[in-house]
Amino acid sequence: MHFTEMKYERPDFSALEKEMKNYLQAFRNAGDIYAAEEAMNQVNRIRNYISTMSSLTHVRFTMNTADSFYAAEQDYFDEHSAKLEELTNNWYRELLQSKFAGQLKNKYGQQLFALAEVTVKTYTSAIAEDINEESRLRTKYTKLLSGARIQFDGKELSLSQLAPYASHVDREVRRGALEAKYDYFATHGAELDEIYDAMVKVRTRMARTLGYANFIQLGYDRLGRTGYGPADVAQFRQNIFENFVLLAQKFIAAQKDRLQLAELLYYDEPLKFKDGNPVPKGKEEELVTAARQMYTDMSPETAEFIAILFDRGLTDLTARKDKAGGGYCTFFPDYRLPFIFANFNGTQHDVEVLTHEIGHAFQMYMSRSFDIPEYWYPTLEACEIHSMSMEFLTYPYMDLFFKEDTEKFRQSHLADAIIFLPYAALVDEFQHEVYALPELSPKERRQMFRQCEKKYLPHRNYAGNDFLEQGGYWQQQSHIYGTPFYYIDYALAQICALQFYFKSRRDSDDAWQCYLKLCRAGGSLSFPELVALSGLFLPFDPAGSRKVAAEVRELAK
């Protein structure tokens, strides 16, 4: 089925709730394991239907946030966010209490029950309206950024369309583009502060209602994190500070020298080479053709997958007005198919986001045969291993996209991977401080972010830009608003992806087989277990971080 043929209908939550209750009762009263599994399958059928309709709504809304029909449908799902959580939690409670729990655990594994155990902690009917309010605030933030109209270069541009100017070889163009961007954020800064302040308050209120000291552990539980906690992540941030901050500064210094600048200012950072960043050679259609060739050549599994992805219209890659920014991959459970969303703008990021999101989509495709939805994809930090590793595993094919600029791309991509790590730690530390001290004012939060910036990004010079000097940079980072504590997952995965890269340089076939094993495992194991399955070491290990940093330094010589 083509994406355009996937039918949307608004779920009737009252009817679905009644149907779910009947199947939960059947599960509870089942006389044997077979009857219990039949009821379990019906429960998952309802969950999959709701998830499919929700995903179709989200995709079609973000494709055009001005579409009144899907904007209304997104509002409908926002208003029923609590109901969705309640249905899932009711199911998990029955699962954990079942007299067949032991048999089901033997068949489906421990991870299903580990996820159920953390998830049931995160919901009670007392927080239903707070959940709905949180969803409304997320949508409000998305609309505010997707509706940006910035006058530049004689054009009216969205944030995605403005992005290519930020890496222009002309320094004044770069400066002008980023000043225009942050003028928009400064103009709407009070509203962005108001949205986030409301988010912090509603999340803290939910946490305290549920019996948590603050939102931090609730945030971890909502992400389904098992096998590690805030102390492990704090150790990881320390690993980054000790091993990658100075290493990132070396890459920054090399960039400054290449650009022949006395001082690297914030609007210089996006430009990596004096004669211009590597750019993909060709328009969107040609990049799609190159991607199809790359994945057809890579393996039989990727060849089958890429044909389905493109032939069935399961991508939207074009930047345009009223389209939400960024990129993501989602899944339609009823069709067992993924969908990729991106905003191509003619920069190297087009190839990076394509390979990244295809990494997500390929994993979902390889895991689609699991019987239970929890295993179609793992928790987010493990999901990002698939995507970020795919960026590195496609290095041998980058000439299809960059031609004579291929080595420039590889050099730039590796440097960005290292420079990114301190920034991810900064975002995570900021969020932990915010939710540990929820009473802080918006001004105090901005000051705290600026202090964290100076710790992790000591090179950054905002050249007197008042909005940025006052700590406003984070307001463009949608993860901070939408999914608290998610952003560090990219850094956890980056350490794993770098290990896959080093492994592929030593033995590409072995690296690919390890990657396939990881993808096929889906979400059937916890993050630490998936890392071990792949033959990698955990990012929390200080010795492992030192080893990765040493290998990067050796490569960069």
Protein backbone atom coordinates (compact mmCIF):
# COMPACT_ATOMS: atom_id res chain seq x y z
CA MET A 1 0.00 0.00 0.00
CA HIS A 2 1.19 3.52 -0.88
CA PHE A 3 1.30 6.09 1.90
CA THR A 4 -1.37 8.19 0.18
CA GLU A 5 -3.73 5.18 0.31
CA MET A 6 -3.45 4.74 4.07
CA LYS A 7 -6.88 5.62 5.37
CA TYR A 8 -7.27 7.80 8.43
CA GLU A 9 -10.32 7.71 10.66
CA ARG A 10 -10.75 9.40 13.99
CA PRO A 11 -10.64 6.77 16.77
CA ASP A 12 -13.74 6.63 18.96
CA PHE A 13 -12.04 6.47 22.33
CA SER A 14 -15.24 5.75 24.26
CA ALA A 15 -15.96 2.69 22.14
CA LEU A 16 -12.34 1.57 22.16
CA GLU A 17 -12.16 1.90 25.93
CA LYS A 18 -15.18 -0.39 26.33
CA GLU A 19 -13.71 -2.90 23.89
CA MET A 20 -10.37 -2.80 25.71
CA LYS A 21 -12.07 -3.43 29.07
CA ASN A 22 -13.76 -6.52 27.65
CA TYR A 23 -10.46 -7.96 26.44
CA LEU A 24 -8.71 -7.11 29.70
CA GLN A 25 -11.43 -8.98 31.53
CA ALA A 26 -11.02 -11.92 29.13
CA PHE A 27 -7.27 -11.86 29.80
CA ARG A 28 -7.84 -11.75 33.56
CA ASN A 29 -10.32 -14.64 33.47
CA ALA A 30 -8.49 -16.79 30.90
CA GLY A 31 -8.55 -20.46 31.78
CA ASP A 32 -5.29 -21.29 30.03
CA ILE A 33 -2.29 -19.65 28.37
CA TYR A 34 -3.87 -19.92 24.93
CA ALA A 35 -6.96 -17.95 25.93
CA ALA A 36 -4.73 -15.41 27.67
CA GLU A 37 -2.64 -14.93 24.52
CA GLU A 38 -5.74 -14.54 22.36
CA ALA A 39 -6.97 -11.75 24.65
CA MET A 40 -3.47 -10.25 24.64
CA ASN A 41 -3.51 -10.21 20.83
CA GLN A 42 -6.83 -8.36 20.82
CA VAL A 43 -5.54 -5.80 23.29
CA ASN A 44 -2.51 -5.19 21.07
CA ARG A 45 -4.75 -4.96 17.99
CA ILE A 46 -6.57 -2.02 19.60
CA ARG A 47 -3.31 -0.41 20.70
CA ASN A 48 -1.85 -0.80 17.21
CA TYR A 49 -4.92 0.73 15.58
CA ILE A 50 -4.78 3.79 17.85
CA SER A 51 -1.02 4.13 17.29
CA THR A 52 -1.47 3.92 13.52
CA MET A 53 -4.11 6.64 13.50
CA SER A 54 -1.99 8.77 15.82
CA SER A 55 1.07 8.37 13.59
CA LEU A 56 -0.89 9.20 10.44
CA THR A 57 -2.21 12.32 12.14
CA HIS A 58 1.23 13.39 13.32
CA VAL A 59 2.84 12.86 9.92
CA ARG A 60 0.14 14.66 7.96
CA PHE A 61 -0.03 17.50 10.47
CA THR A 62 3.74 18.06 10.44
CA MET A 63 3.77 17.86 6.63
CA ASN A 64 1.52 20.92 6.67
CA THR A 65 0.78 22.52 10.03
CA ALA A 66 -1.65 24.87 8.27
CA ASP A 67 -3.88 21.94 7.23
CA SER A 68 -7.01 22.65 9.27
CA PHE A 69 -8.24 19.05 9.20
CA TYR A 70 -5.10 17.43 10.55
CA ALA A 71 -4.46 20.34 12.90
CA ALA A 72 -7.86 19.57 14.42
CA GLU A 73 -7.05 15.85 14.53
CA GLN A 74 -3.76 16.62 16.27
CA ASP A 75 -5.71 18.66 18.81
CA TYR A 76 -8.06 15.69 19.24
CA PHE A 77 -5.17 13.37 20.07
CA ASP A 78 -3.68 16.00 22.38
CA GLU A 79 -6.96 16.11 24.27
CA HIS A 80 -6.94 12.33 24.59
CA SER A 81 -3.27 11.90 25.53
CA ALA A 82 -4.19 10.89 29.04
CA LYS A 83 -6.72 8.34 27.79
CA LEU A 84 -4.01 6.71 25.66
CA GLU A 85 -1.71 6.44 28.66
CA GLU A 86 -4.53 5.07 30.80
CA LEU A 87 -5.32 2.31 28.29
CA THR A 88 -1.67 1.25 28.13
CA ASN A 89 -1.25 1.36 31.90
CA ASN A 90 -4.40 -0.70 32.47
CA TRP A 91 -3.02 -3.34 30.15
CA TYR A 92 0.40 -3.37 31.82
CA ARG A 93 -1.14 -3.74 35.27
CA GLU A 94 -3.10 -6.77 34.11
CA LEU A 95 0.01 -8.22 32.48
CA LEU A 96 2.10 -7.87 35.65
CA GLN A 97 -0.62 -9.40 37.83
CA SER A 98 -1.47 -12.26 35.47
CA LYS A 99 -1.36 -15.84 36.73
CA PHE A 100 0.31 -16.62 33.41
CA ALA A 101 3.05 -13.99 33.86
CA GLY A 102 5.76 -16.64 34.22
CA GLN A 103 4.78 -18.43 31.00
CA LEU A 104 4.42 -15.18 29.11
CA LYS A 105 7.82 -14.04 30.37
CA ASN A 106 9.37 -17.29 29.16
CA LYS A 107 7.89 -16.75 25.71
CA TYR A 108 8.31 -13.01 25.24
CA GLY A 109 11.28 -12.27 27.45
CA GLN A 110 11.98 -10.10 30.49
CA GLN A 111 12.05 -6.77 28.66
CA LEU A 112 8.27 -6.60 28.12
CA PHE A 113 7.77 -6.92 31.86
CA ALA A 114 10.58 -4.49 32.69
CA LEU A 115 8.92 -1.88 30.46
CA ALA A 116 5.55 -2.58 32.04
CA GLU A 117 6.99 -2.17 35.54
CA VAL A 118 8.45 1.28 34.87
CA THR A 119 5.47 2.44 32.80
CA VAL A 120 2.83 1.72 35.44
CA LYS A 121 4.68 4.09 37.77
CA THR A 122 4.11 6.97 35.37
CA TYR A 123 0.34 7.22 35.30
CA THR A 124 -2.68 7.68 37.51
CA SER A 125 -6.01 9.23 36.60
CA ALA A 126 -5.14 12.12 38.93
CA ILE A 127 -2.68 13.47 36.33
CA ALA A 128 -4.96 13.01 33.29
CA GLU A 129 -5.57 16.72 32.68
CA ASP A 130 -1.88 17.51 33.23
CA ILE A 131 -0.95 15.01 30.49
CA ASN A 132 -3.40 16.64 28.10
CA GLU A 133 -2.02 20.07 28.97
CA GLU A 134 1.54 18.88 28.32
CA SER A 135 0.47 17.66 24.86
CA ARG A 136 -1.20 20.98 24.08
CA LEU A 137 1.99 22.82 25.05
CA ARG A 138 4.09 20.59 22.76
CA THR A 139 1.81 21.34 19.82
CA LYS A 140 1.89 25.07 20.63
CA TYR A 141 5.71 25.01 20.46
CA THR A 142 5.66 23.10 17.13
CA LYS A 143 3.22 25.59 15.61
CA LEU A 144 5.26 28.57 16.78
CA LEU A 145 8.46 27.35 15.14
CA SER A 146 6.89 25.91 11.98
CA GLY A 147 5.04 29.19 11.47
CA ALA A 148 8.23 31.27 11.44
CA ARG A 149 8.44 33.70 8.51
CA ILE A 150 11.84 35.34 8.25
CA GLN A 151 12.65 38.03 5.70
CA PHE A 152 16.12 37.42 4.25
CA ASP A 153 17.79 37.70 0.88
CA GLY A 154 14.65 39.28 -0.50
CA LYS A 155 12.60 36.19 0.40
CA GLU A 156 10.22 35.03 3.08
CA LEU A 157 11.79 31.90 4.56
CA SER A 158 10.99 29.23 7.12
CA LEU A 159 13.65 28.26 9.64
CA SER A 160 14.54 25.20 7.52
CA GLN A 161 14.81 27.28 4.36
CA LEU A 162 17.02 29.84 6.13
CA ALA A 163 19.48 27.18 7.31
CA PRO A 164 21.70 26.99 4.17
CA TYR A 165 22.62 30.67 4.52
CA ALA A 166 24.21 29.90 7.91
CA SER A 167 27.07 28.04 6.18
CA HIS A 168 27.57 30.53 3.32
CA VAL A 169 31.19 31.25 2.38
CA ASP A 170 30.52 34.99 2.74
CA ARG A 171 30.93 35.86 6.40
CA GLU A 172 28.46 38.73 6.23
CA VAL A 173 25.80 36.46 4.77
CA ARG A 174 26.36 33.96 7.58
CA ARG A 175 26.21 36.68 10.18
CA GLY A 176 23.08 38.20 8.68
CA ALA A 177 21.28 34.87 8.41
CA LEU A 178 21.94 33.85 12.00
CA GLU A 179 21.14 37.31 13.32
CA ALA A 180 17.82 37.13 11.46
CA LYS A 181 17.17 33.67 12.91
CA TYR A 182 17.87 34.72 16.49
CA ASP A 183 15.96 37.95 16.06
CA TYR A 184 12.93 35.73 15.48
CA PHE A 185 13.66 33.78 18.64
CA ALA A 186 14.29 36.98 20.60
CA THR A 187 10.99 38.42 19.38
CA HIS A 188 9.18 35.30 20.54
CA GLY A 189 11.47 34.65 23.51
CA ALA A 190 8.87 35.59 26.13
CA GLU A 191 6.32 33.25 24.58
CA LEU A 192 8.90 30.43 24.36
CA ASP A 193 9.80 31.04 28.01
CA GLU A 194 6.12 30.95 28.92
CA ILE A 195 5.58 27.63 27.12
CA TYR A 196 8.59 26.02 28.77
CA ASP A 197 7.81 27.42 32.21
CA ALA A 198 4.34 25.90 31.93
CA MET A 199 5.89 22.59 30.83
CA VAL A 200 8.25 22.50 33.82
CA LYS A 201 5.43 23.27 36.19
CA VAL A 202 3.02 20.69 34.78
CA ARG A 203 5.70 17.98 34.67
CA THR A 204 6.78 18.72 38.24
CA ARG A 205 3.17 18.64 39.39
CA MET A 206 2.66 15.24 37.73
CA ALA A 207 5.81 13.87 39.33
CA ARG A 208 4.81 14.95 42.82
CA THR A 209 1.28 13.61 42.36
CA LEU A 210 2.81 10.24 41.44
CA GLY A 211 5.07 10.28 44.50
CA TYR A 212 8.37 11.24 42.86
CA ALA A 213 10.63 13.83 44.50
CA ASN A 214 10.81 15.72 41.21
CA PHE A 215 10.38 15.09 37.49
CA ILE A 216 13.85 13.62 36.87
CA GLN A 217 13.15 9.96 37.68
CA LEU A 218 9.66 10.24 36.19
CA GLY A 219 11.29 11.50 33.00
CA TYR A 220 13.58 8.47 32.95
CA ASP A 221 10.67 6.10 33.60
CA ARG A 222 8.59 7.67 30.83
CA LEU A 223 11.48 6.95 28.45
CA GLY A 224 11.41 3.30 29.55
CA ARG A 225 15.00 3.38 30.76
CA THR A 226 15.96 0.17 32.51
CA GLY A 227 19.35 -1.06 33.65
CA TYR A 228 20.73 2.41 34.44
CA GLY A 229 19.70 5.70 35.98
CA PRO A 230 20.59 9.38 36.58
CA ALA A 231 23.85 8.52 38.39
CA ASP A 232 25.08 6.56 35.36
CA VAL A 233 24.19 9.43 33.04
CA ALA A 234 25.99 11.88 35.34
CA GLN A 235 29.06 9.64 35.05
CA PHE A 236 28.67 9.70 31.27
CA ARG A 237 28.57 13.50 31.24
CA GLN A 238 31.75 13.47 33.31
CA ASN A 239 33.33 11.07 30.78
CA ILE A 240 32.50 13.55 28.04
CA PHE A 241 33.85 16.49 30.01
CA GLU A 242 37.13 14.71 30.73
CA ASN A 243 37.70 13.10 27.33
CA PHE A 244 35.90 15.06 24.65
CA VAL A 245 35.72 18.76 25.57
CA LEU A 246 39.43 19.35 24.87
CA LEU A 247 39.31 16.97 21.89
CA ALA A 248 36.42 18.96 20.44
CA GLN A 249 38.41 22.16 20.97
CA LYS A 250 41.19 20.73 18.78
CA PHE A 251 38.71 20.19 15.96
CA ILE A 252 37.39 23.74 16.49
CA ALA A 253 40.93 25.14 16.39
CA ALA A 254 41.65 23.26 13.16
CA GLN A 255 38.47 24.71 11.68
CA LYS A 256 39.51 28.25 12.66
CA ASP A 257 42.88 27.72 10.99
CA ARG A 258 41.26 26.38 7.80
CA LEU A 259 39.01 29.43 7.66
CA GLN A 260 42.00 31.70 8.31
CA LEU A 261 40.18 33.58 11.04
CA ALA A 262 41.75 35.30 14.01
CA GLU A 263 38.68 34.39 16.04
CA LEU A 264 35.89 31.88 15.40
CA LEU A 265 32.56 33.54 16.16
CA TYR A 266 29.23 31.77 16.56
CA TYR A 267 28.21 32.54 12.98
CA ASP A 268 31.46 31.00 11.70
CA GLU A 269 30.90 27.62 13.31
CA PRO A 270 28.61 26.21 10.58
CA LEU A 271 31.26 26.79 7.87
CA LYS A 272 33.89 24.04 7.94
CA PHE A 273 36.02 24.90 4.89
CA LYS A 274 37.00 28.27 3.44
CA ASP A 275 35.85 27.31 -0.06
CA GLY A 276 32.54 26.05 1.27
CA ASN A 277 31.14 23.01 3.02
CA PRO A 278 30.72 19.80 1.05
CA VAL A 279 27.30 19.78 -0.55
CA PRO A 280 25.46 16.89 -2.20
CA LYS A 281 25.73 16.99 -5.97
CA GLY A 282 22.20 17.02 -7.28
CA LYS A 283 18.64 17.83 -6.40
CA GLU A 284 16.35 15.81 -4.17
CA GLU A 285 15.43 13.32 -6.91
CA GLU A 286 19.09 12.63 -7.62
CA LEU A 287 19.85 12.13 -3.92
CA VAL A 288 17.01 9.63 -3.71
CA THR A 289 18.41 7.81 -6.74
CA ALA A 290 21.84 7.73 -5.12
CA ALA A 291 20.36 6.43 -1.85
CA ARG A 292 18.51 3.71 -3.72
CA GLN A 293 21.74 2.63 -5.42
CA MET A 294 23.71 2.74 -2.16
CA TYR A 295 21.30 0.57 -0.21
CA THR A 296 20.76 -1.79 -3.13
CA ASP A 297 24.51 -2.41 -3.22
CA MET A 298 24.98 -2.54 0.54
CA SER A 299 23.16 -5.80 1.33
CA PRO A 300 20.18 -7.94 0.28
CA GLU A 301 18.30 -6.74 3.38
CA THR A 302 18.77 -3.03 2.63
CA ALA A 303 17.99 -3.60 -1.08
CA GLU A 304 14.58 -5.05 -0.25
CA PHE A 305 13.90 -2.35 2.32
CA ILE A 306 14.85 0.68 0.21
CA ALA A 307 12.62 -0.39 -2.67
CA ILE A 308 9.62 -0.54 -0.33
CA LEU A 309 10.48 2.77 1.32
CA PHE A 310 10.66 4.79 -1.90
CA ASP A 311 8.16 2.89 -4.05
CA ARG A 312 5.42 3.22 -1.44
CA GLY A 313 5.94 6.94 -0.82
CA LEU A 314 7.12 6.49 2.75
CA THR A 315 9.21 9.66 2.81
CA ASP A 316 8.65 13.42 2.80
CA LEU A 317 11.99 15.16 2.32
CA THR A 318 11.19 18.61 0.87
CA ALA A 319 11.45 21.78 2.99
CA ARG A 320 8.54 24.18 2.52
CA LYS A 321 6.45 26.76 4.31
CA ASP A 322 4.14 25.49 7.05
CA LYS A 323 6.02 22.20 7.24
CA ALA A 324 7.35 21.40 10.72
CA GLY A 325 11.10 21.59 11.07
CA GLY A 326 13.62 18.84 11.73
CA GLY A 327 13.49 15.20 10.84
CA TYR A 328 12.08 12.04 12.35
CA CYS A 329 11.07 8.46 11.65
CA THR A 330 7.79 6.96 12.78
CA PHE A 331 5.99 3.65 12.35
CA PHE A 332 2.51 2.60 11.22
CA PRO A 333 1.81 -0.58 13.21
CA ASP A 334 -1.18 -1.76 11.17
CA TYR A 335 0.97 -1.75 8.03
CA ARG A 336 4.26 -2.72 9.72
CA LEU A 337 5.92 0.09 7.77
CA PRO A 338 8.07 3.10 8.77
CA PHE A 339 7.89 6.68 7.48
CA ILE A 340 10.74 9.20 7.15
CA PHE A 341 10.24 12.96 7.51
CA ALA A 342 13.00 15.49 6.72
CA ASN A 343 13.63 19.00 5.38
CA PHE A 344 16.18 18.96 2.56
CA ASN A 345 17.85 22.33 2.07
CA GLY A 346 20.84 21.66 -0.20
CA THR A 347 23.42 21.15 2.56
CA GLN A 348 25.40 18.12 3.70
CA HIS A 349 22.78 17.72 6.40
CA ASP A 350 20.44 16.35 3.72
CA VAL A 351 22.59 13.24 3.39
CA GLU A 352 23.21 13.02 7.13
CA VAL A 353 19.51 13.18 8.00
CA LEU A 354 18.64 10.72 5.24
CA THR A 355 21.12 8.07 6.38
CA HIS A 356 20.23 8.77 10.02
CA GLU A 357 16.48 8.34 9.58
CA ILE A 358 16.96 5.38 7.24
CA GLY A 359 18.91 3.75 10.09
CA HIS A 360 15.80 4.09 12.26
CA ALA A 361 13.48 2.92 9.50
CA PHE A 362 15.64 -0.07 8.57
CA GLN A 363 15.68 -1.26 12.19
CA MET A 364 11.89 -1.02 12.36
CA TYR A 365 11.62 -2.96 9.12
CA MET A 366 13.96 -5.67 10.39
CA SER A 367 12.00 -5.96 13.66
CA ARG A 368 8.52 -5.92 12.15
CA SER A 369 7.88 -9.64 12.65
CA PHE A 370 7.78 -9.46 16.46
CA ASP A 371 4.36 -10.37 17.84
CA ILE A 372 4.22 -7.56 20.39
CA PRO A 373 4.48 -3.82 19.65
CA GLU A 374 6.98 -3.16 22.45
CA TYR A 375 9.64 -5.01 20.47
CA TRP A 376 9.27 -3.25 17.11
CA TYR A 377 11.79 -0.68 18.33
CA PRO A 378 13.80 -0.31 21.53
CA THR A 379 14.03 2.57 23.98
CA LEU A 380 15.29 5.78 22.43
CA GLU A 381 18.97 5.63 23.33
CA ALA A 382 19.22 2.22 21.66
CA CYS A 383 17.19 3.47 18.66
CA GLU A 384 19.81 6.14 18.09
CA ILE A 385 22.55 3.50 17.77
CA HIS A 386 20.87 2.25 14.59
CA SER A 387 20.60 5.74 13.11
CA MET A 388 23.97 7.16 14.09
CA SER A 389 25.84 3.97 13.19
CA MET A 390 24.20 3.99 9.77
CA GLU A 391 25.73 7.43 9.16
CA PHE A 392 29.19 5.86 9.59
CA LEU A 393 28.48 2.54 7.89
CA THR A 394 27.56 4.38 4.69
CA TYR A 395 30.95 6.15 4.49
CA PRO A 396 32.16 3.89 1.62
CA TYR A 397 29.25 5.09 -0.55
CA MET A 398 29.48 8.83 0.06
CA ASP A 399 31.04 9.46 -3.35
CA LEU A 400 27.56 8.79 -4.81
CA PHE A 401 26.42 11.99 -3.10
CA PHE A 402 29.49 14.21 -2.79
CA LYS A 403 31.74 13.26 -5.76
CA GLU A 404 34.95 15.28 -5.45
CA ASP A 405 33.92 16.55 -1.98
CA THR A 406 33.68 13.07 -0.45
CA GLU A 407 36.77 13.36 1.76
CA LYS A 408 35.69 16.81 2.88
CA PHE A 409 32.37 15.33 3.93
CA ARG A 410 33.95 12.48 5.91
CA GLN A 411 36.31 14.89 7.65
CA SER A 412 33.46 17.27 8.47
CA HIS A 413 31.12 14.51 9.63
CA LEU A 414 33.66 12.97 12.01
CA ALA A 415 34.54 16.39 13.44
CA ASP A 416 30.85 17.17 13.98
CA ALA A 417 30.37 13.81 15.73
CA ILE A 418 33.00 14.76 18.31
CA ILE A 419 32.02 18.42 18.66
CA PHE A 420 28.45 17.29 19.24
CA LEU A 421 29.23 15.25 22.37
CA PRO A 422 29.94 18.20 24.71
CA TYR A 423 26.83 19.98 23.43
CA ALA A 424 24.67 16.93 24.19
CA ALA A 425 26.13 16.76 27.71
CA LEU A 426 25.40 20.47 28.14
CA VAL A 427 21.74 20.02 27.13
CA ASP A 428 21.37 17.09 29.50
CA GLU A 429 23.01 18.82 32.47
CA PHE A 430 20.82 21.87 31.87
CA GLN A 431 17.67 19.76 31.96
CA HIS A 432 18.68 17.96 35.14
CA GLU A 433 19.30 21.33 36.80
CA VAL A 434 15.96 22.70 35.54
CA TYR A 435 13.90 19.84 36.96
CA ALA A 436 15.91 19.67 40.18
CA LEU A 437 15.09 23.36 40.71
CA PRO A 438 11.66 23.82 39.05
CA GLU A 439 11.00 27.05 40.94
CA LEU A 440 13.65 28.94 38.95
CA SER A 441 12.45 31.84 36.83
CA PRO A 442 12.87 31.85 33.04
CA LYS A 443 15.68 34.40 33.42
CA GLU A 444 17.48 32.17 35.93
CA ARG A 445 17.13 29.19 33.58
CA ARG A 446 18.73 31.13 30.74
CA GLN A 447 21.59 32.16 33.01
CA MET A 448 22.06 28.54 34.05
CA PHE A 449 22.20 27.42 30.41
CA ARG A 450 24.84 30.05 29.68
CA GLN A 451 26.93 28.77 32.59
CA CYS A 452 26.68 25.22 31.24
CA GLU A 453 27.69 26.50 27.80
CA LYS A 454 30.87 27.99 29.20
CA LYS A 455 31.70 24.66 30.84
CA TYR A 456 31.16 22.41 27.83
CA LEU A 457 31.66 24.84 24.92
CA PRO A 458 34.47 27.13 26.10
CA HIS A 459 35.20 28.26 22.54
CA ARG A 460 31.77 29.72 21.84
CA ASN A 461 31.78 33.48 21.18
CA TYR A 462 28.42 35.14 20.58
CA ALA A 463 29.97 38.39 19.37
CA GLY A 464 27.71 40.50 21.55
CA ASN A 465 24.41 39.00 20.36
CA ASP A 466 22.23 39.88 23.33
CA PHE A 467 19.71 37.04 22.98
CA LEU A 468 22.46 34.41 22.87
CA GLU A 469 24.63 36.07 25.52
CA GLN A 470 21.62 35.95 27.83
CA GLY A 471 21.38 32.16 27.37
CA GLY A 472 18.61 31.85 24.79
CA TYR A 473 20.28 29.33 22.43
CA TRP A 474 18.44 26.32 23.90
CA GLN A 475 14.99 27.55 22.86
CA GLN A 476 15.54 26.18 19.35
CA GLN A 477 16.26 22.67 20.71
CA SER A 478 12.89 20.99 20.33
CA HIS A 479 13.88 17.93 22.39
CA ILE A 480 14.09 20.10 25.52
CA TYR A 481 10.46 21.06 25.06
CA GLY A 482 9.04 17.86 23.61
CA THR A 483 10.87 14.92 25.23
CA PRO A 484 12.81 15.75 28.41
CA PHE A 485 16.12 13.90 28.90
CA TYR A 486 15.98 12.37 25.42
CA TYR A 487 18.84 14.43 23.98
CA ILE A 488 21.65 12.64 25.83
CA ASP A 489 20.52 9.48 24.02
CA TYR A 490 22.23 10.82 20.90
CA ALA A 491 25.52 11.04 22.78
CA LEU A 492 25.14 7.58 24.31
CA ALA A 493 24.48 6.25 20.82
CA GLN A 494 27.33 8.29 19.31
CA ILE A 495 29.86 6.46 21.49
CA CYS A 496 28.37 3.18 20.26
CA ALA A 497 28.27 4.39 16.63
CA LEU A 498 31.94 5.34 16.79
CA GLN A 499 32.69 1.83 17.97
CA PHE A 500 30.78 0.45 14.97
CA TYR A 501 32.85 2.77 12.76
CA PHE A 502 36.14 1.54 14.16
CA LYS A 503 34.88 -2.05 13.85
CA SER A 504 33.94 -1.47 10.18
CA ARG A 505 37.40 -0.11 9.42
CA ARG A 506 38.90 -3.35 10.75
CA ASP A 507 36.34 -5.78 9.29
CA SER A 508 33.38 -4.35 7.39
CA ASP A 509 31.55 -7.69 7.04
CA ASP A 510 31.76 -8.39 10.76
CA ALA A 511 30.56 -4.87 11.57
CA TRP A 512 27.55 -5.26 9.26
CA GLN A 513 26.59 -8.63 10.74
CA CYS A 514 26.77 -7.15 14.25
CA TYR A 515 24.61 -4.26 13.07
CA LEU A 516 22.03 -6.63 11.55
CA LYS A 517 21.93 -8.59 14.80
CA LEU A 518 21.25 -5.37 16.69
CA CYS A 519 18.49 -4.30 14.28
CA ARG A 520 16.78 -7.69 14.36
CA ALA A 521 16.72 -7.64 18.16
CA GLY A 522 14.48 -4.58 18.05
CA GLY A 523 13.28 -3.68 21.52
CA SER A 524 13.44 -7.18 22.96
CA LEU A 525 16.34 -6.24 25.26
CA SER A 526 17.32 -3.27 27.41
CA PHE A 527 19.87 -0.71 26.26
CA PRO A 528 22.77 -2.30 28.21
CA GLU A 529 21.82 -5.73 26.86
CA LEU A 530 21.62 -4.50 23.26
CA VAL A 531 25.03 -2.87 23.57
CA ALA A 532 26.49 -6.15 24.85
CA LEU A 533 24.74 -8.10 22.06
CA SER A 534 26.52 -5.86 19.55
CA GLY A 535 29.93 -6.58 21.06
CA LEU A 536 30.35 -2.99 22.28
CA PHE A 537 31.11 -1.50 25.67
CA LEU A 538 28.69 0.74 27.56
CA PRO A 539 29.23 4.51 27.25
CA PHE A 540 29.08 4.83 31.05
CA ASP A 541 32.45 3.06 31.26
CA PRO A 542 35.18 5.74 31.76
CA ALA A 543 37.85 3.45 30.29
CA GLY A 544 35.72 2.89 27.20
CA SER A 545 35.27 6.63 26.65
CA ARG A 546 39.01 7.13 26.94
CA LYS A 547 39.55 4.41 24.35
CA VAL A 548 37.12 5.99 21.88
CA ALA A 549 38.75 9.40 22.34
CA ALA A 550 42.18 7.85 21.74
CA GLU A 551 41.03 6.18 18.52
CA VAL A 552 39.54 9.46 17.27
CA ARG A 553 42.78 11.29 17.99
CA GLU A 554 44.67 8.61 16.04
CA LEU A 555 42.31 8.98 13.07
CA ALA A 556 42.53 12.77 13.12
CA LYS A 557 46.34 12.85 12.86
